Every structure is written in C-alpha cells, then in structure tokens.
C-alpha cells in the first residue's frame, strides 16, 4: 500500500505496522545467524545477548565477532564495529528534526536509530506517520533481533555451520526491499550505482566494514554537492 497525505491515519498505521513486523521478522532470522556465529566465535550467551541488546546494530556486531573469530583482539574488533556503526550518527542528524525528542526520550530514540528504522521513517510525507514508522520498525527489529539472537546462541551446537542456511542474506535482502521503492529517477540510481561500485573497489584495499562507510560518504557527498541553477 502506498502512503500519501490523503491516506487515512488508521490505514497508514496498519500499513506501517505490517511493514515494520515484516522487516522485524526478516531481521530476526538474521539474528539467529548472529547468535550462532557469536557463540561459535567463543562469546558466552550473556555476552552475545549484551551485544544484541546494547550495541544493536547488526553490521557492527558481525564485524566484532568476525574479527575475534579470525584471531583478532577484542580491541581491534571493537574499533571495526565503531567504524561501521558510525553511519548511525549520520542517520541521527537526518532524523533529529523529524523526531524532535528531548531528555530521556532522546536516549531511547537513539538506541532505535538503525538502517531499517531510518529507511522507514524518511519514506512517509507526513510527520506523524514517519514517527510511527520509526518507532514501530525500531521496536519490532529490537525485539525480534534479540529473540533471534537468543535462539541462535542456544542452538549453536545444532547449527555448527550457520552459513549453509543462508540466513546472513536476510538482512541484505530486507534492506534492498526498502531501498528499491526510493530509487525513483536517474539521480538516485546513479548515486546508488556509484556508491556500490566504490564499495566493491574498496573491499580488497581497506579493513572489513570500511567499504560500507566509503559508500555512505559517496551518498553524503552527492546530497551536499553544489546544485547548478
């Protein structure tokens, strides 16, 4: 369902909630993979759950356990996770005028600033629907991501090689599904293609996680470039 200014609020709310739950379910399946991989990398169940509850950004979590599983130090893993998670700061700058939170609510909202909630929030034209999309998606992903993490961590012995299930593709598929409707016109497509190419070229040249940051900088540069009038 396409949401516009003329869409009645109950219909908009139902559509947003349906999409938010769908995204949460897809991300929860991804969380199963993370829980299993984290436990296999040597982290305890509590450490794995703490990452999903407190860090709560899948790319950074995978980067951290990937470095540890590859023999790297926890400090190197944390540094990689911070670099990859820094994109959320850019999301926060975009979302702050929209959410307009104050005091303790600002900290709670900051915890929900992730790829999925940001993509859902900047889609609707009206502010009420955008805010609802942000919180519904953020809470849906938070709950189901942690549930998936717990299932994966507890079932790690049965899932000794989680990669064979292809669960790691779920999040990428969900994000592409969010991005697709926003690629309207030549300019968004051009920015997306250039950012993807730059990320691919950067893969063998920089540490894991950095190509995503480089691609994000391409998009930011495109957004703030001078416009000819």
Foldseek 3Di string as FASTA:
>chain_A
DDDAPPDDPVVLLVVLLVLLLVLQQLLLLLLLVLLLLLVLLPDALVVLLCCCQPVVAVLLSCQQSVCSSVVHDSVVSNVLSCLLVCVLVVLCVVCCVLQVDDDPVVVVLSSLRYLQLSLQLVRYDDSVSSNSSNVSNSVSNSVSSSVSSNNNNVCSVVCVPVVVVVSNCSNVVSSCVSCVVVPPDDVSVVLQVVLVVQLVVCVVPDDPSVSVVSSVVSVVCSVPPDDDD
